């Protein structure tokens, strides 16, 4: 018999002998063991155990599954972690694709959790802006520092990767961001920003491994980053796609490795296997800015022109910020002092101006803009945040463009 045939016979025997299948205590696949373990998994591995029963759909109105939650048995989890570590070490272009599930242990609610919550000690936040990175966020940042992750496509808006120390220039916040005023949250019926979409396609084509974590992948356009890499894996032209989630998804059988469990738990096991350590959970992000790049408090010397575009690295273009020069090819100042006026240089509200109101308790800049929304012809005030990691990125010149530039009052 083939592995699959043997597995199906074994399942039939178990269903007769074990009443737990009748009570739906384990995941019963519809189309083979790949739904439980991925096509690199062992057909004889035990099925994941159901830890939360919920007959509701995880994402009503989308291509989704019921909201049951599952966990791999300890022995199978150990085997899957060993395999995942091997895949990560093999990868030369590893792409991470995350959804709301990676942030739930920080206190930010997701959409797909419909049953009784199984996670303990979840912080109660006055605002989701107060959320701090989970262990999983810090683990992915540690993997980046070790050269194991090369791009992060982030469905969430929460800025937790950056708070964990993952650099802004390596993140694609495809669905919008709370900490980037040029990239407001995209509604379900909205359009993705063209430059972010192009970058996503570029990475979709070059990635050899995609780690999908905490996303139900119910039909969003961005899900293509996983399906493309996973299909290349099945065709033998890449490593493939890995799914880490406690709920089922429509692409489970497409994955080369399918892990059921809490993301923080999975990442703790993976960190141990990779021999990596994370920053302490109490660590708070502070921008790394050289003193010589600070003209005065909240005023920074940056290698960007007056349109927010990064200057050429040719030293002839990097003239001192205060040297008179025609055109825009010289260093400029980013003045984020209270009362300074800025202009958005990209995004749906490109050209709109705003005034810096100060900083919030975490040190991110509060800016009040005036936007004309939809059919309204009258500008309305909107307060948005500029994450302090944008200052670090701007000073170091790591991003192609910055969200705002200064203008005269």
Foldseek 3Di string as FASTA:
>chain_A
DDQFVVLVVVVVVCVVVPCVVVVVQFDDDDPTCLLAWNQLDRSPFDTWTWDWDFQPWQAPPFQTHTLTFTAGDPVRLLVLLVVVLVQLVPWQEEEEEEDPLQQVQQVDDDRRNDTDDDDPPRDHDPDLLPGEGDLLLQLVQQCVVVNRYQAYEYCDARCRNVFSPRAPQRYQNFQFHQAFPQGHGADPPGDTFPVSVVVLVVSLVPTQEYEYEHDQPRDDPSCSSQLSNLVCCVVPNGVHYEYEERGGHPCSHSGNTYGGDRSSVSSVSNCVVNVTDGDDSPDGDDFDADPVQDPDVQKGKFQAWQLFFHADPPVVQAAAQPDDDPDTRYIHMAHQPFQFKKAFNHHPQHGWMWTWHAADPSGWIWIWTWGQDDPRPGTDIDIGTHGPSLVNCRRVVSHRGGGIHTDDD
